[in-house]
Amino acid sequence: HCRTKIDNAKFKTKGAKGYNAALEHCGRSCAAGFPCTKSCMHKAGYSWGCSICSAKLVGCGRDHCVNQCISDSFSPACQHCNKAHCRASMKACSGRPLGGS
């Protein structure tokens, strides 16, 4: 769901780094709440489908990785946890290898 024309253009200009920055901003400012994160990602320029996947990814991170991620979403422990617990479902939803590194 992150491969529409809108998303492809956004990833072409901003890449995964820009996506991760938007996800970090939206996830934190929304306290990982689904409706807020979804709306925030859409406002950041991603399609509704991609925004839904993004909100699901934030929820997955909250459910599985809160201790590793509470102070730093980009820490190795947080990234590893997200990759282990959330990347497969995010890839299935988004069509892109997003969620942890």
PDB file of N, CA and C in Angstrom:
ATOM      1  N   HIS A   1       0.809  -1.213   0.000  1.00  0.00           N
ATOM      2  CA  HIS A   1       0.000   0.000   0.000  1.00  0.00           C
ATOM      3  C   HIS A   1       0.847   1.269   0.000  1.00  0.00           C
ATOM      4  N   CYS A   2       2.168   1.130  -0.028  1.00  0.00           N
ATOM      5  CA  CYS A   2       3.036   2.316  -0.092  1.00  0.00           C
ATOM      6  C   CYS A   2       3.691   2.405  -1.462  1.00  0.00           C
ATOM      7  N   ARG A   3       2.972   1.933  -2.489  1.00  0.00           N
ATOM      8  CA  ARG A   3       3.520   1.966  -3.844  1.00  0.00           C
ATOM      9  C   ARG A   3       2.608   2.690  -4.831  1.00  0.00           C
ATOM     10  N   THR A   4       1.735   3.556  -4.335  1.00  0.00           N
ATOM     11  CA  THR A   4       0.909   4.358  -5.233  1.00  0.00           C
ATOM     12  C   THR A   4       1.794   5.424  -5.879  1.00  0.00           C
ATOM     13  N   LYS A   5       1.250   6.133  -6.864  1.00  0.00           N
ATOM     14  CA  LYS A   5       2.012   7.228  -7.487  1.00  0.00           C
ATOM     15  C   LYS A   5       2.429   8.265  -6.452  1.00  0.00           C
ATOM     16  N   ILE A   6       1.518   8.558  -5.537  1.00  0.00           N
ATOM     17  CA  ILE A   6       1.799   9.534  -4.474  1.00  0.00           C
ATOM     18  C   ILE A   6       2.998   9.068  -3.644  1.00  0.00           C
ATOM     19  N   ASP A   7       2.938   7.790  -3.210  1.00  0.00           N
ATOM     20  CA  ASP A   7       4.006   7.251  -2.361  1.00  0.00           C
ATOM     21  C   ASP A   7       5.325   7.133  -3.125  1.00  0.00           C
ATOM     22  N   ASN A   8       5.246   6.663  -4.357  1.00  0.00           N
ATOM     23  CA  ASN A   8       6.475   6.517  -5.152  1.00  0.00           C
ATOM     24  C   ASN A   8       7.181   7.858  -5.316  1.00  0.00           C
ATOM     25  N   ALA A   9       6.406   8.911  -5.558  1.00  0.00           N
ATOM     26  CA  ALA A   9       6.995  10.253  -5.700  1.00  0.00           C
ATOM     27  C   ALA A   9       7.626  10.695  -4.382  1.00  0.00           C
ATOM     28  N   LYS A  10       6.950  10.422  -3.281  1.00  0.00           N
ATOM     29  CA  LYS A  10       7.436  10.815  -1.962  1.00  0.00           C
ATOM     30  C   LYS A  10       8.730  10.058  -1.625  1.00  0.00           C
ATOM     31  N   PHE A  11       8.745   8.742  -1.886  1.00  0.00           N
ATOM     32  CA  PHE A  11       9.948   7.959  -1.599  1.00  0.00           C
ATOM     33  C   PHE A  11      11.093   8.343  -2.534  1.00  0.00           C
ATOM     34  N   LYS A  12      10.745   8.766  -3.754  1.00  0.00           N
ATOM     35  CA  LYS A  12      11.783   9.176  -4.704  1.00  0.00           C
ATOM     36  C   LYS A  12      12.491  10.438  -4.205  1.00  0.00           C
ATOM     37  N   THR A  13      11.723  11.368  -3.638  1.00  0.00           N
ATOM     38  CA  THR A  13      12.331  12.616  -3.175  1.00  0.00           C
ATOM     39  C   THR A  13      12.877  12.515  -1.755  1.00  0.00           C
ATOM     40  N   LYS A  14      12.170  11.817  -0.884  1.00  0.00           N
ATOM     41  CA  LYS A  14      12.547  11.781   0.541  1.00  0.00           C
ATOM     42  C   LYS A  14      13.226  10.478   0.963  1.00  0.00           C
ATOM     43  N   GLY A  15      12.965   9.393   0.244  1.00  0.00           N
ATOM     44  CA  GLY A  15      13.567   8.104   0.575  1.00  0.00           C
ATOM     45  C   GLY A  15      13.072   7.540   1.899  1.00  0.00           C
ATOM     46  N   ALA A  16      13.696   6.448   2.300  1.00  0.00           N
ATOM     47  CA  ALA A  16      13.332   5.803   3.563  1.00  0.00           C
ATOM     48  C   ALA A  16      13.652   6.715   4.746  1.00  0.00           C
ATOM     49  N   LYS A  17      14.687   7.531   4.603  1.00  0.00           N
ATOM     50  CA  LYS A  17      15.077   8.441   5.685  1.00  0.00           C
ATOM     51  C   LYS A  17      13.960   9.453   5.959  1.00  0.00           C
ATOM     52  N   GLY A  18      13.408  10.006   4.902  1.00  0.00           N
ATOM     53  CA  GLY A  18      12.306  10.959   5.052  1.00  0.00           C
ATOM     54  C   GLY A  18      11.061  10.295   5.622  1.00  0.00           C
ATOM     55  N   TYR A  19      10.807   9.065   5.172  1.00  0.00           N
ATOM     56  CA  TYR A  19       9.671   8.303   5.689  1.00  0.00           C
ATOM     57  C   TYR A  19       9.852   8.059   7.185  1.00  0.00           C
ATOM     58  N   ASN A  20      11.042   7.597   7.576  1.00  0.00           N
ATOM     59  CA  ASN A  20      11.307   7.302   8.985  1.00  0.00           C
ATOM     60  C   ASN A  20      11.196   8.558   9.853  1.00  0.00           C
ATOM     61  N   ALA A  21      11.632   9.689   9.324  1.00  0.00           N
ATOM     62  CA  ALA A  21      11.529  10.949  10.070  1.00  0.00           C
ATOM     63  C   ALA A  21      10.063  11.326  10.272  1.00  0.00           C
ATOM     64  N   ALA A  22       9.243  11.178   9.222  1.00  0.00           N
ATOM     65  CA  ALA A  22       7.810  11.473   9.334  1.00  0.00           C
ATOM     66  C   ALA A  22       7.150  10.510  10.316  1.00  0.00           C
ATOM     67  N   LEU A  23       7.528   9.242  10.227  1.00  0.00           N
ATOM     68  CA  LEU A  23       6.956   8.219  11.111  1.00  0.00           C
ATOM     69  C   LEU A  23       7.311   8.512  12.572  1.00  0.00           C
ATOM     70  N   GLU A  24       8.550   8.899  12.804  1.00  0.00           N
ATOM     71  CA  GLU A  24       9.008   9.249  14.154  1.00  0.00           C
ATOM     72  C   GLU A  24       8.209  10.432  14.686  1.00  0.00           C
ATOM     73  N   HIS A  25       8.094  11.484  13.871  1.00  0.00           N
ATOM     74  CA  HIS A  25       7.348  12.676  14.281  1.00  0.00           C
ATOM     75  C   HIS A  25       5.897  12.324  14.584  1.00  0.00           C
ATOM     76  N   CYS A  26       5.263  11.605  13.680  1.00  0.00           N
ATOM     77  CA  CYS A  26       3.840  11.288  13.845  1.00  0.00           C
ATOM     78  C   CYS A  26       3.616  10.342  15.012  1.00  0.00           C
ATOM     79  N   GLY A  27       4.431   9.300  15.103  1.00  0.00           N
ATOM     80  CA  GLY A  27       4.273   8.333  16.186  1.00  0.00           C
ATOM     81  C   GLY A  27       4.425   8.962  17.556  1.00  0.00           C
ATOM     82  N   ARG A  28       5.439   9.824  17.694  1.00  0.00           N
ATOM     83  CA  ARG A  28       5.675  10.463  18.995  1.00  0.00           C
ATOM     84  C   ARG A  28       4.635  11.534  19.296  1.00  0.00           C
ATOM     85  N   SER A  29       4.319  12.373  18.322  1.00  0.00           N
ATOM     86  CA  SER A  29       3.365  13.457  18.591  1.00  0.00           C
ATOM     87  C   SER A  29       1.960  12.903  18.824  1.00  0.00           C
ATOM     88  N   CYS A  30       1.703  11.690  18.331  1.00  0.00           N
ATOM     89  CA  CYS A  30       0.383  11.063  18.517  1.00  0.00           C
ATOM     90  C   CYS A  30       0.386  10.039  19.645  1.00  0.00           C
ATOM     91  N   ALA A  31       1.480   9.917  20.379  1.00  0.00           N
ATOM     92  CA  ALA A  31       1.605   8.904  21.438  1.00  0.00           C
ATOM     93  C   ALA A  31       1.235   7.523  20.903  1.00  0.00           C
ATOM     94  N   ALA A  32       1.605   7.247  19.651  1.00  0.00           N
ATOM     95  CA  ALA A  32       1.378   5.968  18.967  1.00  0.00           C
ATOM     96  C   ALA A  32      -0.098   5.628  18.783  1.00  0.00           C
ATOM     97  N   GLY A  33      -0.961   6.641  18.876  1.00  0.00           N
ATOM     98  CA  GLY A  33      -2.391   6.402  18.647  1.00  0.00           C
ATOM     99  C   GLY A  33      -2.672   6.201  17.163  1.00  0.00           C
ATOM    100  N   PHE A  34      -3.499   5.207  16.834  1.00  0.00           N
ATOM    101  CA  PHE A  34      -3.739   4.837  15.437  1.00  0.00           C
ATOM    102  C   PHE A  34      -4.367   5.954  14.597  1.00  0.00           C
ATOM    103  N   PRO A  35      -5.538   6.506  14.979  1.00  0.00           N
ATOM    104  CA  PRO A  35      -6.167   7.524  14.098  1.00  0.00           C
ATOM    105  C   PRO A  35      -5.290   8.750  13.892  1.00  0.00           C
ATOM    106  N   CYS A  36      -4.644   9.192  14.959  1.00  0.00           N
ATOM    107  CA  CYS A  36      -3.781  10.374  14.879  1.00  0.00           C
ATOM    108  C   CYS A  36      -2.569  10.108  13.992  1.00  0.00           C
ATOM    109  N   THR A  37      -1.913   8.966  14.178  1.00  0.00           N
ATOM    110  CA  THR A  37      -0.726   8.634  13.379  1.00  0.00           C
ATOM    111  C   THR A  37      -1.094   8.507  11.909  1.00  0.00           C
ATOM    112  N   LYS A  38      -2.211   7.858  11.628  1.00  0.00           N
ATOM    113  CA  LYS A  38      -2.683   7.695  10.249  1.00  0.00           C
ATOM    114  C   LYS A  38      -2.900   9.063   9.598  1.00  0.00           C
ATOM    115  N   SER A  39      -3.598   9.954  10.271  1.00  0.00           N
ATOM    116  CA  SER A  39      -3.866  11.294   9.730  1.00  0.00           C
ATOM    117  C   SER A  39      -2.584  12.090   9.553  1.00  0.00           C
ATOM    118  N   CYS A  40      -1.690  11.978  10.517  1.00  0.00           N
ATOM    119  CA  CYS A  40      -0.421  12.709  10.469  1.00  0.00           C
ATOM    120  C   CYS A  40       0.419  12.262   9.271  1.00  0.00           C
ATOM    121  N   MET A  41       0.489  10.951   9.027  1.00  0.00           N
ATOM    122  CA  MET A  41       1.271  10.452   7.888  1.00  0.00           C
ATOM    123  C   MET A  41       0.636  10.879   6.565  1.00  0.00           C
ATOM    124  N   HIS A  42      -0.690  10.927   6.538  1.00  0.00           N
ATOM    125  CA  HIS A  42      -1.366  11.385   5.314  1.00  0.00           C
ATOM    126  C   HIS A  42      -1.056  12.862   5.072  1.00  0.00           C
ATOM    127  N   LYS A  43      -1.085  13.647   6.139  1.00  0.00           N
ATOM    128  CA  LYS A  43      -0.743  15.070   6.020  1.00  0.00           C
ATOM    129  C   LYS A  43       0.709  15.254   5.592  1.00  0.00           C
ATOM    130  N   ALA A  44       1.567  14.282   5.953  1.00  0.00           N
ATOM    131  CA  ALA A  44       2.986  14.348   5.575  1.00  0.00           C
ATOM    132  C   ALA A  44       3.189  14.003   4.098  1.00  0.00           C
ATOM    133  N   GLY A  45       2.115  13.572   3.424  1.00  0.00           N
ATOM    134  CA  GLY A  45       2.196  13.374   1.984  1.00  0.00           C
ATOM    135  C   GLY A  45       2.123  11.942   1.500  1.00  0.00           C
ATOM    136  N   TYR A  46       1.789  11.005   2.386  1.00  0.00           N
ATOM    137  CA  TYR A  46       1.677   9.596   1.986  1.00  0.00           C
ATOM    138  C   TYR A  46       0.214   9.246   1.730  1.00  0.00           C
ATOM    139  N   SER A  47      -0.011   8.221   0.902  1.00  0.00           N
ATOM    140  CA  SER A  47      -1.372   7.807   0.572  1.00  0.00           C
ATOM    141  C   SER A  47      -2.075   7.286   1.832  1.00  0.00           C
ATOM    142  N   TRP A  48      -3.418   7.207   1.756  1.00  0.00           N
ATOM    143  CA  TRP A  48      -4.161   6.674   2.909  1.00  0.00           C
ATOM    144  C   TRP A  48      -3.738   5.242   3.199  1.00  0.00           C
ATOM    145  N   GLY A  49      -3.562   4.430   2.160  1.00  0.00           N
ATOM    146  CA  GLY A  49      -3.158   3.039   2.365  1.00  0.00           C
ATOM    147  C   GLY A  49      -1.823   2.945   3.080  1.00  0.00           C
ATOM    148  N   CYS A  50      -0.883   3.745   2.641  1.00  0.00           N
ATOM    149  CA  CYS A  50       0.442   3.762   3.260  1.00  0.00           C
ATOM    150  C   CYS A  50       0.364   4.321   4.678  1.00  0.00           C
ATOM    151  N   SER A  51      -0.487   5.305   4.873  1.00  0.00           N
ATOM    152  CA  SER A  51      -0.644   5.906   6.203  1.00  0.00           C
ATOM    153  C   SER A  51      -1.223   4.896   7.191  1.00  0.00           C
ATOM    154  N   ILE A  52      -2.148   4.052   6.724  1.00  0.00           N
ATOM    155  CA  ILE A  52      -2.710   2.996   7.573  1.00  0.00           C
ATOM    156  C   ILE A  52      -1.624   1.994   7.946  1.00  0.00           C
ATOM    157  N   CYS A  53      -0.823   1.569   6.969  1.00  0.00           N
ATOM    158  CA  CYS A  53       0.294   0.654   7.257  1.00  0.00           C
ATOM    159  C   CYS A  53       1.253   1.283   8.262  1.00  0.00           C
ATOM    160  N   SER A  54       1.512   2.557   8.091  1.00  0.00           N
ATOM    161  CA  SER A  54       2.438   3.270   8.972  1.00  0.00           C
ATOM    162  C   SER A  54       1.912   3.300  10.399  1.00  0.00           C
ATOM    163  N   ALA A  55       0.623   3.567  10.558  1.00  0.00           N
ATOM    164  CA  ALA A  55       0.021   3.603  11.894  1.00  0.00           C
ATOM    165  C   ALA A  55       0.054   2.214  12.530  1.00  0.00           C
ATOM    166  N   LYS A  56      -0.132   1.167  11.708  1.00  0.00           N
ATOM    167  CA  LYS A  56      -0.039  -0.205  12.217  1.00  0.00           C
ATOM    168  C   LYS A  56       1.391  -0.494  12.683  1.00  0.00           C
ATOM    169  N   LEU A  57       2.384  -0.015  11.931  1.00  0.00           N
ATOM    170  CA  LEU A  57       3.783  -0.225  12.298  1.00  0.00           C
ATOM    171  C   LEU A  57       4.091   0.457  13.635  1.00  0.00           C
ATOM    172  N   VAL A  58       3.610   1.673  13.816  1.00  0.00           N
ATOM    173  CA  VAL A  58       3.815   2.390  15.075  1.00  0.00           C
ATOM    174  C   VAL A  58       3.165   1.613  16.222  1.00  0.00           C
ATOM    175  N   GLY A  59       1.960   1.100  15.988  1.00  0.00           N
ATOM    176  CA  GLY A  59       1.282   0.312  17.014  1.00  0.00           C
ATOM    177  C   GLY A  59       2.035  -0.957  17.351  1.00  0.00           C
ATOM    178  N   CYS A  60       2.598  -1.606  16.340  1.00  0.00           N
ATOM    179  CA  CYS A  60       3.398  -2.805  16.551  1.00  0.00           C
ATOM    180  C   CYS A  60       4.622  -2.482  17.394  1.00  0.00           C
ATOM    181  N   GLY A  61       5.296  -1.395  17.069  1.00  0.00           N
ATOM    182  CA  GLY A  61       6.459  -0.969  17.838  1.00  0.00           C
ATOM    183  C   GLY A  61       6.088  -0.664  19.275  1.00  0.00           C
ATOM    184  N   ARG A  62       4.943  -0.008  19.460  1.00  0.00           N
ATOM    185  CA  ARG A  62       4.470   0.301  20.813  1.00  0.00           C
ATOM    186  C   ARG A  62       4.192  -0.995  21.583  1.00  0.00           C
ATOM    187  N   ASP A  63       3.557  -1.950  20.935  1.00  0.00           N
ATOM    188  CA  ASP A  63       3.171  -3.196  21.606  1.00  0.00           C
ATOM    189  C   ASP A  63       4.358  -4.101  21.921  1.00  0.00           C
ATOM    190  N   HIS A  64       5.385  -4.083  21.079  1.00  0.00           N
ATOM    191  CA  HIS A  64       6.493  -5.027  21.231  1.00  0.00           C
ATOM    192  C   HIS A  64       7.802  -4.414  21.697  1.00  0.00           C
ATOM    193  N   CYS A  65       7.990  -3.117  21.458  1.00  0.00           N
ATOM    194  CA  CYS A  65       9.328  -2.540  21.624  1.00  0.00           C
ATOM    195  C   CYS A  65       9.364  -1.269  22.467  1.00  0.00           C
ATOM    196  N   VAL A  66       8.348  -1.046  23.275  1.00  0.00           N
ATOM    197  CA  VAL A  66       8.278   0.234  23.996  1.00  0.00           C
ATOM    198  C   VAL A  66       9.500   0.469  24.885  1.00  0.00           C
ATOM    199  N   ASN A  67       9.975  -0.551  25.578  1.00  0.00           N
ATOM    200  CA  ASN A  67      11.131  -0.359  26.467  1.00  0.00           C
ATOM    201  C   ASN A  67      12.392  -0.015  25.693  1.00  0.00           C
ATOM    202  N   GLN A  68      12.572  -0.633  24.524  1.00  0.00           N
ATOM    203  CA  GLN A  68      13.767  -0.380  23.714  1.00  0.00           C
ATOM    204  C   GLN A  68      13.703   0.971  23.001  1.00  0.00           C
ATOM    205  N   CYS A  69      12.488   1.468  22.791  1.00  0.00           N
ATOM    206  CA  CYS A  69      12.316   2.645  21.927  1.00  0.00           C
ATOM    207  C   CYS A  69      11.888   3.914  22.654  1.00  0.00           C
ATOM    208  N   ILE A  70      11.553   3.814  23.932  1.00  0.00           N
ATOM    209  CA  ILE A  70      10.950   4.949  24.627  1.00  0.00           C
ATOM    210  C   ILE A  70      11.815   6.207  24.576  1.00  0.00           C
ATOM    211  N   SER A  71      13.141   6.046  24.666  1.00  0.00           N
ATOM    212  CA  SER A  71      13.982   7.243  24.673  1.00  0.00           C
ATOM    213  C   SER A  71      14.574   7.566  23.308  1.00  0.00           C
ATOM    214  N   ASP A  72      14.698   6.561  22.425  1.00  0.00           N
ATOM    215  CA  ASP A  72      15.330   6.807  21.128  1.00  0.00           C
ATOM    216  C   ASP A  72      14.842   5.794  20.089  1.00  0.00           C
ATOM    217  N   SER A  73      14.010   6.259  19.175  1.00  0.00           N
ATOM    218  CA  SER A  73      13.454   5.383  18.133  1.00  0.00           C
ATOM    219  C   SER A  73      14.514   4.870  17.172  1.00  0.00           C
ATOM    220  N   PHE A  74      15.655   5.543  17.117  1.00  0.00           N
ATOM    221  CA  PHE A  74      16.689   5.157  16.157  1.00  0.00           C
ATOM    222  C   PHE A  74      17.856   4.407  16.813  1.00  0.00           C
ATOM    223  N   SER A  75      17.704   4.065  18.101  1.00  0.00           N
ATOM    224  CA  SER A  75      18.759   3.301  18.774  1.00  0.00           C
ATOM    225  C   SER A  75      18.852   1.906  18.159  1.00  0.00           C
ATOM    226  N   PRO A  76      20.036   1.285  18.205  1.00  0.00           N
ATOM    227  CA  PRO A  76      20.167  -0.074  17.655  1.00  0.00           C
ATOM    228  C   PRO A  76      19.178  -1.065  18.279  1.00  0.00           C
ATOM    229  N   ALA A  77      18.959  -0.975  19.592  1.00  0.00           N
ATOM    230  CA  ALA A  77      18.037  -1.907  20.263  1.00  0.00           C
ATOM    231  C   ALA A  77      16.613  -1.737  19.747  1.00  0.00           C
ATOM    232  N   CYS A  78      16.188  -0.506  19.565  1.00  0.00           N
ATOM    233  CA  CYS A  78      14.848  -0.217  19.063  1.00  0.00           C
ATOM    234  C   CYS A  78      14.706  -0.687  17.617  1.00  0.00           C
ATOM    235  N   GLN A  79      15.679  -0.360  16.797  1.00  0.00           N
ATOM    236  CA  GLN A  79      15.635  -0.759  15.387  1.00  0.00           C
ATOM    237  C   GLN A  79      15.606  -2.280  15.253  1.00  0.00           C
ATOM    238  N   HIS A  80      16.423  -2.963  16.039  1.00  0.00           N
ATOM    239  CA  HIS A  80      16.478  -4.420  15.994  1.00  0.00           C
ATOM    240  C   HIS A  80      15.134  -5.023  16.424  1.00  0.00           C
ATOM    241  N   CYS A  81      14.560  -4.498  17.488  1.00  0.00           N
ATOM    242  CA  CYS A  81      13.274  -4.994  17.981  1.00  0.00           C
ATOM    243  C   CYS A  81      12.184  -4.810  16.922  1.00  0.00           C
ATOM    244  N   ASN A  82      12.130  -3.629  16.325  1.00  0.00           N
ATOM    245  CA  ASN A  82      11.127  -3.372  15.290  1.00  0.00           C
ATOM    246  C   ASN A  82      11.319  -4.294  14.090  1.00  0.00           C
ATOM    247  N   LYS A  83      12.573  -4.505  13.716  1.00  0.00           N
ATOM    248  CA  LYS A  83      12.839  -5.390  12.588  1.00  0.00           C
ATOM    249  C   LYS A  83      12.377  -6.811  12.915  1.00  0.00           C
ATOM    250  N   ALA A  84      12.679  -7.266  14.133  1.00  0.00           N
ATOM    251  CA  ALA A  84      12.335  -8.628  14.536  1.00  0.00           C
ATOM    252  C   ALA A  84      10.823  -8.835  14.654  1.00  0.00           C
ATOM    253  N   HIS A  85      10.127  -7.849  15.189  1.00  0.00           N
ATOM    254  CA  HIS A  85       8.704  -8.027  15.493  1.00  0.00           C
ATOM    255  C   HIS A  85       7.740  -7.433  14.468  1.00  0.00           C
ATOM    256  N   CYS A  86       8.175  -6.416  13.739  1.00  0.00           N
ATOM    257  CA  CYS A  86       7.216  -5.632  12.949  1.00  0.00           C
ATOM    258  C   CYS A  86       7.509  -5.559  11.454  1.00  0.00           C
ATOM    259  N   ARG A  87       8.737  -5.856  11.029  1.00  0.00           N
ATOM    260  CA  ARG A  87       9.075  -5.647   9.625  1.00  0.00           C
ATOM    261  C   ARG A  87       8.276  -6.545   8.689  1.00  0.00           C
ATOM    262  N   ALA A  88       8.075  -7.818   9.033  1.00  0.00           N
ATOM    263  CA  ALA A  88       7.367  -8.735   8.126  1.00  0.00           C
ATOM    264  C   ALA A  88       5.940  -8.262   7.876  1.00  0.00           C
ATOM    265  N   SER A  89       5.241  -7.867   8.927  1.00  0.00           N
ATOM    266  CA  SER A  89       3.867  -7.398   8.747  1.00  0.00           C
ATOM    267  C   SER A  89       3.843  -6.062   8.012  1.00  0.00           C
ATOM    268  N   MET A  90       4.836  -5.203   8.265  1.00  0.00           N
ATOM    269  CA  MET A  90       4.899  -3.918   7.563  1.00  0.00           C
ATOM    270  C   MET A  90       5.181  -4.136   6.085  1.00  0.00           C
ATOM    271  N   LYS A  91       6.079  -5.063   5.764  1.00  0.00           N
ATOM    272  CA  LYS A  91       6.382  -5.320   4.358  1.00  0.00           C
ATOM    273  C   LYS A  91       5.152  -5.883   3.652  1.00  0.00           C
ATOM    274  N   ALA A  92       4.424  -6.782   4.328  1.00  0.00           N
ATOM    275  CA  ALA A  92       3.209  -7.348   3.742  1.00  0.00           C
ATOM    276  C   ALA A  92       2.167  -6.257   3.495  1.00  0.00           C
ATOM    277  N   CYS A  93       2.078  -5.312   4.406  1.00  0.00           N
ATOM    278  CA  CYS A  93       1.097  -4.230   4.285  1.00  0.00           C
ATOM    279  C   CYS A  93       1.536  -3.177   3.270  1.00  0.00           C
ATOM    280  N   SER A  94       2.790  -2.778   3.346  1.00  0.00           N
ATOM    281  CA  SER A  94       3.247  -1.621   2.569  1.00  0.00           C
ATOM    282  C   SER A  94       3.857  -1.971   1.212  1.00  0.00           C
ATOM    283  N   GLY A  95       4.380  -3.199   1.090  1.00  0.00           N
ATOM    284  CA  GLY A  95       5.099  -3.553  -0.126  1.00  0.00           C
ATOM    285  C   GLY A  95       6.515  -3.020  -0.153  1.00  0.00           C
ATOM    286  N   ARG A  96       6.967  -2.478   0.978  1.00  0.00           N
ATOM    287  CA  ARG A  96       8.322  -1.926   1.086  1.00  0.00           C
ATOM    288  C   ARG A  96       9.004  -2.488   2.330  1.00  0.00           C
ATOM    289  N   PRO A  97      10.342  -2.636   2.283  1.00  0.00           N
ATOM    290  CA  PRO A  97      11.072  -3.148   3.440  1.00  0.00           C
ATOM    291  C   PRO A  97      11.298  -2.062   4.491  1.00  0.00           C
ATOM    292  N   LEU A  98      10.234  -1.714   5.204  1.00  0.00           N
ATOM    293  CA  LEU A  98      10.283  -0.648   6.193  1.00  0.00           C
ATOM    294  C   LEU A  98      10.058  -1.229   7.586  1.00  0.00           C
ATOM    295  N   GLY A  99      10.555  -0.547   8.598  1.00  0.00           N
ATOM    296  CA  GLY A  99      10.343  -0.978   9.972  1.00  0.00           C
ATOM    297  C   GLY A  99      11.596  -1.617  10.549  1.00  0.00           C
ATOM    298  N   GLY A 100      12.389  -0.801  11.185  1.00  0.00           N
ATOM    299  CA  GLY A 100      13.628  -1.286  11.774  1.00  0.00           C
ATOM    300  C   GLY A 100      14.723  -1.421  10.740  1.00  0.00           C
ATOM    301  N   SER A 101      15.940  -1.619  11.235  1.00  0.00           N
ATOM    302  CA  SER A 101      17.071  -1.787  10.310  1.00  0.00           C
ATOM    303  C   SER A 101      18.088  -2.728  10.923  1.00  0.00           C
TER     304      SER A 101
END
